[in-house]
Amino acid sequence: MSSPGKVFLVDDEPELRQALARLLKAEGFDVEGFGSAHEFLARVTEDTSGCLLLDLSMPGLDGLELQGRVAATGAKLGIVFLTGRGDIPTSVRAVRAGALDFLTKPVRRDDLLQAVRAALAHADAQRDAADAGAALRRRYAQLTPREREVLVHVIAGRLNKVIAADLGTSEQTIKVHRSRVMEKLGVDSVADLVRAAQQLGVAPVP
């Protein structure tokens, strides 16, 4: 059985926060409520993942400011704004900064649930991508210095014999290194190797 989606609800209106929490819990979500942006910031870490259902207008840090602070933490969150007085310029700013939806109060139940589910799916995708990136970096760390040398030549599109001449070794040796690089990085083609190098920030040899 899959675990329920985690929803972080940040709204300074206690009655509304409680009503939304009851609705979401009734749908099977795991809800954690906060009365201010600062309360949530004290809770969020790089490992935090889920849907952030966020009021726009709050005392102290407003929703847009909190959105920026959260992005800096590296948390994997799908952000949905919920506000009683949103406007088009503000919603555009929010979406450009990464928000997935911008709902106005009173929000329709179905619209809210659809937005929350989409935000959770987005957070899952972020987490999966982060996990894959971390795994790729671990595999790259297993390459020897010579294998890393060969890698930057291969992703530059150079032939084995050219790489061998540049590195002062035999073509057969380069073939062995090339095979080991691809095996260690878990790729099956040069195209996949190039994409992996891009993800790692490894540039081809000039």
N, C-alpha and C. Protein backbone atom coordinates (compact mmCIF):
# COMPACT_ATOMS: atom_id res chain seq x y z
N MET A 1 0.85 -1.20 0.00
CA MET A 1 0.00 0.00 0.00
C MET A 1 0.88 1.24 0.00
N SER A 2 0.63 2.16 -0.91
CA SER A 2 1.46 3.36 -1.01
C SER A 2 1.15 4.32 0.12
N SER A 3 2.16 5.09 0.55
CA SER A 3 1.96 6.05 1.62
C SER A 3 1.18 7.25 1.10
N PRO A 4 0.41 7.93 1.98
CA PRO A 4 -0.36 9.07 1.52
C PRO A 4 0.55 10.22 1.14
N GLY A 5 0.06 11.08 0.25
CA GLY A 5 0.86 12.23 -0.14
C GLY A 5 0.95 13.23 1.00
N LYS A 6 2.11 13.85 1.13
CA LYS A 6 2.34 14.82 2.21
C LYS A 6 1.99 16.21 1.72
N VAL A 7 1.12 16.90 2.47
CA VAL A 7 0.72 18.26 2.13
C VAL A 7 1.11 19.19 3.28
N PHE A 8 1.89 20.21 2.96
CA PHE A 8 2.26 21.23 3.94
C PHE A 8 1.36 22.44 3.67
N LEU A 9 0.55 22.79 4.65
CA LEU A 9 -0.45 23.85 4.50
C LEU A 9 -0.01 25.07 5.30
N VAL A 10 0.28 26.16 4.61
CA VAL A 10 0.74 27.38 5.28
C VAL A 10 -0.27 28.49 5.06
N ASP A 11 -0.98 28.86 6.13
CA ASP A 11 -2.01 29.90 6.05
C ASP A 11 -2.19 30.50 7.44
N ASP A 12 -2.24 31.83 7.52
CA ASP A 12 -2.33 32.47 8.83
C ASP A 12 -3.75 32.54 9.37
N GLU A 13 -4.74 32.04 8.63
CA GLU A 13 -6.13 32.02 9.11
C GLU A 13 -6.42 30.63 9.71
N PRO A 14 -6.51 30.53 11.03
CA PRO A 14 -6.68 29.21 11.68
C PRO A 14 -7.91 28.44 11.20
N GLU A 15 -9.05 29.15 11.06
CA GLU A 15 -10.28 28.46 10.67
C GLU A 15 -10.15 27.86 9.27
N LEU A 16 -9.61 28.63 8.34
CA LEU A 16 -9.45 28.13 6.98
C LEU A 16 -8.43 27.00 6.95
N ARG A 17 -7.35 27.16 7.68
CA ARG A 17 -6.31 26.13 7.72
C ARG A 17 -6.89 24.81 8.24
N GLN A 18 -7.70 24.89 9.27
CA GLN A 18 -8.30 23.69 9.83
C GLN A 18 -9.30 23.06 8.87
N ALA A 19 -10.09 23.91 8.19
CA ALA A 19 -11.08 23.39 7.24
C ALA A 19 -10.39 22.70 6.07
N LEU A 20 -9.34 23.30 5.55
CA LEU A 20 -8.60 22.69 4.44
C LEU A 20 -7.93 21.40 4.88
N ALA A 21 -7.38 21.40 6.10
CA ALA A 21 -6.73 20.20 6.62
C ALA A 21 -7.73 19.05 6.74
N ARG A 22 -8.93 19.35 7.22
CA ARG A 22 -9.95 18.31 7.35
C ARG A 22 -10.33 17.74 5.98
N LEU A 23 -10.50 18.63 5.02
CA LEU A 23 -10.87 18.19 3.66
C LEU A 23 -9.80 17.28 3.08
N LEU A 24 -8.55 17.71 3.20
CA LEU A 24 -7.44 16.95 2.61
C LEU A 24 -7.22 15.62 3.34
N LYS A 25 -7.35 15.62 4.66
CA LYS A 25 -7.19 14.39 5.42
C LYS A 25 -8.29 13.39 5.06
N ALA A 26 -9.48 13.90 4.80
CA ALA A 26 -10.59 13.03 4.42
C ALA A 26 -10.32 12.35 3.08
N GLU A 27 -9.47 12.97 2.25
CA GLU A 27 -9.10 12.39 0.96
C GLU A 27 -7.87 11.49 1.06
N GLY A 28 -7.36 11.32 2.28
CA GLY A 28 -6.24 10.41 2.48
C GLY A 28 -4.87 11.04 2.50
N PHE A 29 -4.81 12.37 2.45
CA PHE A 29 -3.51 13.05 2.47
C PHE A 29 -3.00 13.20 3.90
N ASP A 30 -1.70 13.21 4.03
CA ASP A 30 -1.04 13.46 5.31
C ASP A 30 -0.76 14.96 5.37
N VAL A 31 -1.47 15.67 6.24
CA VAL A 31 -1.43 17.13 6.25
C VAL A 31 -0.71 17.65 7.49
N GLU A 32 0.16 18.63 7.27
CA GLU A 32 0.85 19.31 8.36
C GLU A 32 0.63 20.81 8.18
N GLY A 33 0.03 21.46 9.19
CA GLY A 33 -0.33 22.87 9.05
C GLY A 33 0.63 23.81 9.77
N PHE A 34 0.75 25.02 9.21
CA PHE A 34 1.63 26.05 9.77
C PHE A 34 0.90 27.40 9.70
N GLY A 35 1.06 28.21 10.75
CA GLY A 35 0.38 29.49 10.80
C GLY A 35 1.17 30.64 10.21
N SER A 36 2.42 30.38 9.83
CA SER A 36 3.25 31.44 9.25
C SER A 36 4.34 30.85 8.38
N ALA A 37 4.90 31.69 7.53
CA ALA A 37 6.01 31.26 6.68
C ALA A 37 7.21 30.86 7.52
N HIS A 38 7.46 31.61 8.60
CA HIS A 38 8.62 31.31 9.45
C HIS A 38 8.50 29.95 10.12
N GLU A 39 7.27 29.58 10.52
CA GLU A 39 7.07 28.26 11.11
C GLU A 39 7.45 27.17 10.12
N PHE A 40 7.04 27.33 8.88
CA PHE A 40 7.35 26.32 7.88
C PHE A 40 8.84 26.29 7.58
N LEU A 41 9.47 27.44 7.50
CA LEU A 41 10.91 27.48 7.21
C LEU A 41 11.71 26.77 8.29
N ALA A 42 11.22 26.81 9.52
CA ALA A 42 11.91 26.11 10.61
C ALA A 42 11.78 24.60 10.45
N ARG A 43 10.82 24.16 9.68
CA ARG A 43 10.56 22.72 9.48
C ARG A 43 11.21 22.17 8.21
N VAL A 44 11.33 22.99 7.17
CA VAL A 44 11.75 22.49 5.86
C VAL A 44 13.25 22.22 5.81
N THR A 45 13.60 21.13 5.11
CA THR A 45 14.99 20.78 4.89
C THR A 45 15.15 20.35 3.43
N GLU A 46 16.36 20.04 3.04
CA GLU A 46 16.61 19.57 1.67
C GLU A 46 15.84 18.28 1.37
N ASP A 47 15.56 17.49 2.40
CA ASP A 47 14.87 16.22 2.21
C ASP A 47 13.35 16.34 2.23
N THR A 48 12.83 17.53 2.50
CA THR A 48 11.38 17.72 2.54
C THR A 48 10.78 17.55 1.14
N SER A 49 9.70 16.78 1.07
CA SER A 49 9.07 16.52 -0.22
C SER A 49 7.57 16.45 -0.06
N GLY A 50 6.84 16.96 -1.05
CA GLY A 50 5.39 16.90 -1.02
C GLY A 50 4.77 18.10 -1.71
N CYS A 51 3.55 18.42 -1.32
CA CYS A 51 2.84 19.59 -1.87
C CYS A 51 2.88 20.70 -0.83
N LEU A 52 3.24 21.89 -1.25
CA LEU A 52 3.18 23.07 -0.38
C LEU A 52 1.99 23.91 -0.82
N LEU A 53 0.94 23.89 0.00
CA LEU A 53 -0.26 24.68 -0.27
C LEU A 53 -0.12 25.97 0.52
N LEU A 54 0.02 27.05 -0.18
CA LEU A 54 0.59 28.27 0.41
C LEU A 54 -0.29 29.49 0.20
N ASP A 55 -0.61 30.17 1.31
CA ASP A 55 -1.36 31.42 1.22
C ASP A 55 -0.42 32.51 0.69
N LEU A 56 -0.98 33.42 -0.11
CA LEU A 56 -0.15 34.47 -0.70
C LEU A 56 0.13 35.59 0.29
N SER A 57 -0.91 36.09 0.95
CA SER A 57 -0.78 37.26 1.80
C SER A 57 -0.76 36.85 3.27
N MET A 58 0.43 36.99 3.90
CA MET A 58 0.58 36.65 5.31
C MET A 58 1.45 37.69 6.00
N PRO A 59 1.29 37.85 7.31
CA PRO A 59 2.16 38.77 8.05
C PRO A 59 3.61 38.30 7.96
N GLY A 60 4.54 39.23 8.03
CA GLY A 60 5.95 38.86 7.93
C GLY A 60 6.28 38.47 6.51
N LEU A 61 6.83 37.29 6.32
CA LEU A 61 7.13 36.80 4.98
C LEU A 61 5.83 36.46 4.25
N ASP A 62 5.65 37.01 3.04
CA ASP A 62 4.47 36.62 2.29
C ASP A 62 4.77 35.35 1.48
N GLY A 63 3.75 34.89 0.75
CA GLY A 63 3.89 33.63 0.03
C GLY A 63 5.00 33.63 -1.01
N LEU A 64 5.12 34.73 -1.74
CA LEU A 64 6.16 34.79 -2.78
C LEU A 64 7.55 34.78 -2.17
N GLU A 65 7.71 35.46 -1.04
CA GLU A 65 9.02 35.46 -0.37
C GLU A 65 9.34 34.07 0.17
N LEU A 66 8.33 33.41 0.71
CA LEU A 66 8.54 32.05 1.20
C LEU A 66 8.90 31.12 0.05
N GLN A 67 8.26 31.30 -1.09
CA GLN A 67 8.56 30.48 -2.27
C GLN A 67 10.04 30.57 -2.61
N GLY A 68 10.60 31.79 -2.57
CA GLY A 68 12.01 31.97 -2.86
C GLY A 68 12.91 31.32 -1.83
N ARG A 69 12.54 31.44 -0.57
CA ARG A 69 13.34 30.84 0.51
C ARG A 69 13.33 29.31 0.39
N VAL A 70 12.17 28.76 0.08
CA VAL A 70 12.04 27.31 -0.03
C VAL A 70 12.89 26.78 -1.18
N ALA A 71 12.88 27.50 -2.30
CA ALA A 71 13.68 27.07 -3.45
C ALA A 71 15.15 26.96 -3.08
N ALA A 72 15.62 27.86 -2.21
CA ALA A 72 17.03 27.86 -1.82
C ALA A 72 17.40 26.68 -0.93
N THR A 73 16.41 26.03 -0.31
CA THR A 73 16.70 24.90 0.57
C THR A 73 16.95 23.61 -0.20
N GLY A 74 16.47 23.56 -1.45
CA GLY A 74 16.60 22.33 -2.23
C GLY A 74 15.49 21.33 -1.95
N ALA A 75 14.46 21.73 -1.19
CA ALA A 75 13.33 20.84 -0.91
C ALA A 75 12.62 20.48 -2.21
N LYS A 76 12.06 19.29 -2.27
CA LYS A 76 11.35 18.81 -3.46
C LYS A 76 9.86 19.02 -3.25
N LEU A 77 9.38 20.19 -3.61
CA LEU A 77 8.00 20.57 -3.33
C LEU A 77 7.28 21.06 -4.58
N GLY A 78 6.05 20.60 -4.75
CA GLY A 78 5.17 21.18 -5.75
C GLY A 78 4.36 22.26 -5.06
N ILE A 79 4.45 23.50 -5.54
CA ILE A 79 3.85 24.63 -4.83
C ILE A 79 2.55 25.06 -5.49
N VAL A 80 1.50 25.17 -4.65
CA VAL A 80 0.19 25.66 -5.09
C VAL A 80 -0.18 26.86 -4.22
N PHE A 81 -0.43 27.99 -4.85
CA PHE A 81 -0.85 29.17 -4.10
C PHE A 81 -2.36 29.18 -3.96
N LEU A 82 -2.81 29.60 -2.78
CA LEU A 82 -4.23 29.74 -2.50
C LEU A 82 -4.43 31.10 -1.83
N THR A 83 -5.19 31.99 -2.47
CA THR A 83 -5.30 33.35 -1.95
C THR A 83 -6.68 33.95 -2.19
N GLY A 84 -7.01 34.89 -1.32
CA GLY A 84 -8.29 35.57 -1.44
C GLY A 84 -8.22 36.82 -2.29
N ARG A 85 -7.02 37.24 -2.62
CA ARG A 85 -6.90 38.49 -3.40
C ARG A 85 -5.72 38.44 -4.36
N GLY A 86 -5.71 37.41 -5.15
CA GLY A 86 -4.66 37.31 -6.15
C GLY A 86 -4.94 38.18 -7.35
N ASP A 87 -3.91 38.46 -8.11
CA ASP A 87 -4.08 39.20 -9.36
C ASP A 87 -3.18 38.56 -10.41
N ILE A 88 -3.39 38.95 -11.65
CA ILE A 88 -2.67 38.31 -12.75
C ILE A 88 -1.16 38.53 -12.66
N PRO A 89 -0.67 39.75 -12.43
CA PRO A 89 0.79 39.94 -12.33
C PRO A 89 1.42 39.08 -11.23
N THR A 90 0.73 38.99 -10.09
CA THR A 90 1.27 38.19 -8.99
C THR A 90 1.29 36.72 -9.35
N SER A 91 0.22 36.24 -9.97
CA SER A 91 0.18 34.84 -10.36
C SER A 91 1.26 34.51 -11.38
N VAL A 92 1.52 35.45 -12.29
CA VAL A 92 2.58 35.24 -13.29
C VAL A 92 3.94 35.14 -12.61
N ARG A 93 4.19 36.00 -11.63
CA ARG A 93 5.45 35.96 -10.88
C ARG A 93 5.60 34.62 -10.16
N ALA A 94 4.51 34.16 -9.56
CA ALA A 94 4.55 32.90 -8.83
C ALA A 94 4.86 31.72 -9.74
N VAL A 95 4.19 31.69 -10.89
CA VAL A 95 4.38 30.58 -11.82
C VAL A 95 5.78 30.62 -12.42
N ARG A 96 6.26 31.81 -12.75
CA ARG A 96 7.62 31.93 -13.29
C ARG A 96 8.65 31.47 -12.29
N ALA A 97 8.34 31.61 -11.00
CA ALA A 97 9.28 31.19 -9.95
C ALA A 97 9.12 29.71 -9.62
N GLY A 98 8.21 29.03 -10.32
CA GLY A 98 8.10 27.59 -10.14
C GLY A 98 6.80 27.06 -9.57
N ALA A 99 5.85 27.96 -9.23
CA ALA A 99 4.57 27.48 -8.70
C ALA A 99 3.80 26.74 -9.80
N LEU A 100 3.06 25.73 -9.39
CA LEU A 100 2.32 24.93 -10.36
C LEU A 100 0.90 25.43 -10.59
N ASP A 101 0.34 26.06 -9.57
CA ASP A 101 -1.04 26.55 -9.71
C ASP A 101 -1.26 27.73 -8.79
N PHE A 102 -2.31 28.50 -9.11
CA PHE A 102 -2.61 29.71 -8.36
C PHE A 102 -4.13 29.77 -8.23
N LEU A 103 -4.64 29.34 -7.08
CA LEU A 103 -6.08 29.23 -6.86
C LEU A 103 -6.59 30.37 -5.98
N THR A 104 -7.80 30.82 -6.24
CA THR A 104 -8.38 31.90 -5.44
C THR A 104 -9.44 31.35 -4.49
N LYS A 105 -9.51 31.94 -3.32
CA LYS A 105 -10.50 31.56 -2.31
C LYS A 105 -11.84 32.24 -2.63
N PRO A 106 -12.96 31.58 -2.38
CA PRO A 106 -13.09 30.18 -1.96
C PRO A 106 -12.83 29.25 -3.14
N VAL A 107 -12.03 28.23 -2.90
CA VAL A 107 -11.64 27.33 -3.96
C VAL A 107 -12.60 26.15 -4.04
N ARG A 108 -12.89 25.70 -5.24
CA ARG A 108 -13.73 24.53 -5.43
C ARG A 108 -12.96 23.29 -4.98
N ARG A 109 -13.65 22.40 -4.31
CA ARG A 109 -13.02 21.18 -3.78
C ARG A 109 -12.28 20.42 -4.87
N ASP A 110 -12.93 20.20 -6.00
CA ASP A 110 -12.31 19.42 -7.07
C ASP A 110 -11.07 20.11 -7.62
N ASP A 111 -11.13 21.44 -7.74
CA ASP A 111 -9.97 22.18 -8.24
C ASP A 111 -8.79 22.05 -7.27
N LEU A 112 -9.10 22.12 -5.98
CA LEU A 112 -8.04 22.00 -4.97
C LEU A 112 -7.40 20.62 -5.01
N LEU A 113 -8.22 19.59 -5.04
CA LEU A 113 -7.70 18.23 -5.03
C LEU A 113 -6.87 17.94 -6.28
N GLN A 114 -7.35 18.44 -7.42
CA GLN A 114 -6.60 18.24 -8.66
C GLN A 114 -5.24 18.92 -8.58
N ALA A 115 -5.21 20.14 -8.03
CA ALA A 115 -3.95 20.88 -7.92
C ALA A 115 -3.00 20.20 -6.96
N VAL A 116 -3.52 19.70 -5.85
CA VAL A 116 -2.67 19.03 -4.85
C VAL A 116 -2.07 17.75 -5.44
N ARG A 117 -2.88 16.98 -6.13
CA ARG A 117 -2.37 15.73 -6.74
C ARG A 117 -1.31 16.02 -7.79
N ALA A 118 -1.52 17.06 -8.58
CA ALA A 118 -0.52 17.43 -9.59
C ALA A 118 0.77 17.88 -8.92
N ALA A 119 0.65 18.62 -7.81
CA ALA A 119 1.84 19.08 -7.09
C ALA A 119 2.61 17.92 -6.49
N LEU A 120 1.89 16.92 -5.98
CA LEU A 120 2.56 15.74 -5.42
C LEU A 120 3.28 14.95 -6.51
N ALA A 121 2.66 14.84 -7.68
CA ALA A 121 3.31 14.15 -8.79
C ALA A 121 4.59 14.89 -9.21
N HIS A 122 4.51 16.23 -9.20
CA HIS A 122 5.68 17.04 -9.54
C HIS A 122 6.80 16.83 -8.52
N ALA A 123 6.43 16.80 -7.24
CA ALA A 123 7.43 16.59 -6.19
C ALA A 123 8.08 15.22 -6.32
N ASP A 124 7.27 14.20 -6.66
CA ASP A 124 7.82 12.86 -6.86
C ASP A 124 8.84 12.86 -7.99
N ALA A 125 8.51 13.57 -9.07
CA ALA A 125 9.42 13.63 -10.22
C ALA A 125 10.71 14.35 -9.84
N GLN A 126 10.60 15.42 -9.05
CA GLN A 126 11.79 16.14 -8.58
C GLN A 126 12.67 15.22 -7.74
N ARG A 127 12.05 14.47 -6.85
CA ARG A 127 12.80 13.57 -5.98
C ARG A 127 13.48 12.46 -6.78
N ASP A 128 12.74 11.91 -7.74
CA ASP A 128 13.32 10.85 -8.58
C ASP A 128 14.53 11.38 -9.36
N ALA A 129 14.39 12.60 -9.89
CA ALA A 129 15.49 13.20 -10.65
C ALA A 129 16.70 13.46 -9.76
N ALA A 130 16.44 13.92 -8.54
CA ALA A 130 17.53 14.18 -7.60
C ALA A 130 18.23 12.88 -7.22
N ASP A 131 17.44 11.83 -7.00
CA ASP A 131 18.02 10.52 -6.65
C ASP A 131 18.87 9.99 -7.80
N ALA A 132 18.35 10.14 -9.02
CA ALA A 132 19.10 9.66 -10.19
C ALA A 132 20.40 10.44 -10.36
N GLY A 133 20.34 11.74 -10.12
CA GLY A 133 21.54 12.57 -10.23
C GLY A 133 22.58 12.19 -9.19
N ALA A 134 22.12 11.91 -7.97
CA ALA A 134 23.06 11.50 -6.92
C ALA A 134 23.70 10.16 -7.24
N ALA A 135 22.91 9.25 -7.80
CA ALA A 135 23.44 7.94 -8.17
C ALA A 135 24.48 8.07 -9.28
N LEU A 136 24.21 8.96 -10.23
CA LEU A 136 25.15 9.18 -11.33
C LEU A 136 26.46 9.76 -10.81
N ARG A 137 26.37 10.69 -9.87
CA ARG A 137 27.60 11.27 -9.30
C ARG A 137 28.42 10.22 -8.54
N ARG A 138 27.72 9.30 -7.89
CA ARG A 138 28.43 8.22 -7.19
C ARG A 138 29.15 7.32 -8.19
N ARG A 139 28.50 7.04 -9.31
CA ARG A 139 29.14 6.19 -10.32
C ARG A 139 30.33 6.91 -10.95
N TYR A 140 30.19 8.22 -11.17
CA TYR A 140 31.29 8.99 -11.74
C TYR A 140 32.50 9.00 -10.80
N ALA A 141 32.24 9.02 -9.51
CA ALA A 141 33.33 9.02 -8.53
C ALA A 141 34.15 7.74 -8.58
N GLN A 142 33.58 6.69 -9.17
CA GLN A 142 34.30 5.42 -9.27
C GLN A 142 35.29 5.38 -10.45
N LEU A 143 35.21 6.35 -11.34
CA LEU A 143 36.12 6.38 -12.48
C LEU A 143 37.55 6.71 -12.03
N THR A 144 38.50 6.06 -12.65
CA THR A 144 39.90 6.37 -12.38
C THR A 144 40.27 7.67 -13.10
N PRO A 145 41.38 8.31 -12.73
CA PRO A 145 41.81 9.52 -13.44
C PRO A 145 41.96 9.29 -14.94
N ARG A 146 42.49 8.14 -15.34
CA ARG A 146 42.66 7.85 -16.77
C ARG A 146 41.30 7.68 -17.45
N GLU A 147 40.37 7.05 -16.78
CA GLU A 147 39.03 6.86 -17.35
C GLU A 147 38.32 8.21 -17.52
N ARG A 148 38.57 9.12 -16.61
CA ARG A 148 37.98 10.46 -16.76
C ARG A 148 38.60 11.19 -17.95
N GLU A 149 39.89 10.97 -18.16
CA GLU A 149 40.55 11.54 -19.34
C GLU A 149 39.93 11.01 -20.63
N VAL A 150 39.72 9.72 -20.65
CA VAL A 150 39.13 9.10 -21.84
C VAL A 150 37.71 9.61 -22.05
N LEU A 151 36.97 9.76 -20.98
CA LEU A 151 35.59 10.24 -21.06
C LEU A 151 35.49 11.56 -21.80
N VAL A 152 36.31 12.53 -21.44
CA VAL A 152 36.19 13.85 -22.05
C VAL A 152 36.58 13.83 -23.53
N HIS A 153 37.39 12.88 -23.92
CA HIS A 153 37.73 12.73 -25.33
C HIS A 153 36.59 12.05 -26.09
N VAL A 154 36.01 11.03 -25.47
CA VAL A 154 34.92 10.30 -26.14
C VAL A 154 33.73 11.22 -26.39
N ILE A 155 33.35 12.02 -25.38
CA ILE A 155 32.17 12.89 -25.55
C ILE A 155 32.46 14.05 -26.50
N ALA A 156 33.74 14.23 -26.85
CA ALA A 156 34.08 15.22 -27.87
C ALA A 156 33.93 14.63 -29.27
N GLY A 157 33.60 13.34 -29.35
CA GLY A 157 33.38 12.70 -30.64
C GLY A 157 34.65 12.15 -31.28
N ARG A 158 35.71 12.01 -30.51
CA ARG A 158 36.97 11.55 -31.08
C ARG A 158 37.01 10.03 -31.21
N LEU A 159 37.68 9.56 -32.24
CA LEU A 159 37.85 8.13 -32.48
C LEU A 159 38.88 7.56 -31.50
N ASN A 160 38.79 6.26 -31.27
CA ASN A 160 39.71 5.61 -30.33
C ASN A 160 41.18 5.83 -30.71
N LYS A 161 41.49 5.73 -32.01
CA LYS A 161 42.89 5.88 -32.43
C LYS A 161 43.40 7.30 -32.20
N VAL A 162 42.51 8.28 -32.34
CA VAL A 162 42.89 9.68 -32.09
C VAL A 162 43.13 9.89 -30.60
N ILE A 163 42.23 9.34 -29.78
CA ILE A 163 42.40 9.45 -28.33
C ILE A 163 43.70 8.78 -27.90
N ALA A 164 43.97 7.60 -28.48
CA ALA A 164 45.20 6.87 -28.15
C ALA A 164 46.43 7.70 -28.46
N ALA A 165 46.41 8.36 -29.60
CA ALA A 165 47.56 9.18 -29.99
C ALA A 165 47.72 10.36 -29.03
N ASP A 166 46.60 10.99 -28.67
CA ASP A 166 46.65 12.13 -27.76
C ASP A 166 47.16 11.75 -26.38
N LEU A 167 46.76 10.56 -25.91
CA LEU A 167 47.11 10.15 -24.55
C LEU A 167 48.36 9.28 -24.50
N GLY A 168 48.94 9.00 -25.67
CA GLY A 168 50.18 8.24 -25.71
C GLY A 168 50.04 6.80 -25.29
N THR A 169 48.98 6.16 -25.76
CA THR A 169 48.77 4.75 -25.43
C THR A 169 48.24 4.03 -26.65
N SER A 170 47.86 2.78 -26.51
CA SER A 170 47.38 2.01 -27.65
C SER A 170 45.87 2.15 -27.83
N GLU A 171 45.43 1.89 -29.05
CA GLU A 171 44.01 1.96 -29.34
C GLU A 171 43.25 0.91 -28.54
N GLN A 172 43.83 -0.27 -28.35
CA GLN A 172 43.17 -1.33 -27.58
C GLN A 172 42.97 -0.90 -26.13
N THR A 173 43.99 -0.23 -25.58
CA THR A 173 43.86 0.26 -24.20
C THR A 173 42.71 1.26 -24.08
N ILE A 174 42.58 2.13 -25.07
CA ILE A 174 41.49 3.11 -25.06
C ILE A 174 40.14 2.40 -25.14
N LYS A 175 40.06 1.35 -25.95
CA LYS A 175 38.81 0.59 -26.05
C LYS A 175 38.42 0.01 -24.69
N VAL A 176 39.41 -0.49 -23.96
CA VAL A 176 39.15 -1.05 -22.64
C VAL A 176 38.66 0.03 -21.69
N HIS A 177 39.36 1.17 -21.66
CA HIS A 177 38.96 2.28 -20.79
C HIS A 177 37.55 2.77 -21.15
N ARG A 178 37.30 2.89 -22.44
CA ARG A 178 36.00 3.38 -22.91
C ARG A 178 34.88 2.43 -22.45
N SER A 179 35.13 1.14 -22.56
CA SER A 179 34.14 0.16 -22.14
C SER A 179 33.88 0.25 -20.64
N ARG A 180 34.95 0.44 -19.88
CA ARG A 180 34.80 0.54 -18.42
C ARG A 180 34.06 1.81 -18.02
N VAL A 181 34.32 2.90 -18.72
CA VAL A 181 33.63 4.16 -18.44
C VAL A 181 32.13 3.99 -18.63
N MET A 182 31.75 3.38 -19.75
CA MET A 182 30.34 3.20 -20.04
C MET A 182 29.68 2.25 -19.06
N GLU A 183 30.43 1.21 -18.69
CA GLU A 183 29.89 0.25 -17.71
C GLU A 183 29.69 0.90 -16.35
N LYS A 184 30.68 1.65 -15.89
CA LYS A 184 30.60 2.28 -14.57
C LYS A 184 29.50 3.35 -14.52
N LEU A 185 29.31 4.07 -15.63
CA LEU A 185 28.28 5.11 -15.65
C LEU A 185 26.91 4.56 -16.01
N GLY A 186 26.85 3.28 -16.35
CA GLY A 186 25.57 2.65 -16.62
C GLY A 186 24.90 3.10 -17.90
N VAL A 187 25.71 3.35 -18.94
CA VAL A 187 25.16 3.79 -20.23
C VAL A 187 25.50 2.77 -21.31
N ASP A 188 24.67 2.79 -22.37
CA ASP A 188 24.84 1.80 -23.44
C ASP A 188 25.29 2.40 -24.77
N SER A 189 25.31 3.72 -24.87
CA SER A 189 25.67 4.36 -26.13
C SER A 189 26.42 5.65 -25.87
N VAL A 190 27.08 6.14 -26.91
CA VAL A 190 27.81 7.41 -26.78
C VAL A 190 26.83 8.55 -26.52
N ALA A 191 25.64 8.48 -27.14
CA ALA A 191 24.64 9.52 -26.91
C ALA A 191 24.25 9.58 -25.43
N ASP A 192 24.06 8.40 -24.82
CA ASP A 192 23.73 8.36 -23.39
C ASP A 192 24.91 8.85 -22.56
N LEU A 193 26.11 8.55 -23.02
CA LEU A 193 27.31 9.00 -22.31
C LEU A 193 27.41 10.53 -22.34
N VAL A 194 27.10 11.11 -23.48
CA VAL A 194 27.12 12.57 -23.60
C VAL A 194 26.09 13.20 -22.67
N ARG A 195 24.89 12.61 -22.62
CA ARG A 195 23.86 13.15 -21.74
C ARG A 195 24.27 13.03 -20.27
N ALA A 196 24.89 11.90 -19.91
CA ALA A 196 25.35 11.72 -18.53
C ALA A 196 26.41 12.76 -18.18
N ALA A 197 27.32 13.00 -19.12
CA ALA A 197 28.37 14.00 -18.87
C ALA A 197 27.77 15.40 -18.68
N GLN A 198 26.76 15.71 -19.48
CA GLN A 198 26.09 17.01 -19.34
C GLN A 198 25.47 17.14 -17.95
N GLN A 199 24.83 16.08 -17.49
CA GLN A 199 24.23 16.11 -16.15
C GLN A 199 25.28 16.30 -15.07
N LEU A 200 26.45 15.74 -15.31
CA LEU A 200 27.54 15.84 -14.33
C LEU A 200 28.30 17.16 -14.44
N GLY A 201 28.05 17.91 -15.51
CA GLY A 201 28.79 19.14 -15.72
C GLY A 201 30.19 18.91 -16.25
N VAL A 202 30.40 17.75 -16.88
CA VAL A 202 31.70 17.40 -17.45
C VAL A 202 31.74 17.85 -18.90
N ALA A 203 32.68 18.71 -19.23
CA ALA A 203 32.78 19.25 -20.59
C ALA A 203 33.71 18.42 -21.43
N PRO A 204 33.44 18.32 -22.74
CA PRO A 204 34.36 17.59 -23.63
C PRO A 204 35.69 18.30 -23.75
N VAL A 205 36.72 17.55 -24.07
CA VAL A 205 38.03 18.16 -24.27
C VAL A 205 37.95 19.13 -25.44
N PRO A 206 38.58 20.29 -25.37
CA PRO A 206 38.50 21.27 -26.46
C PRO A 206 39.07 20.70 -27.76
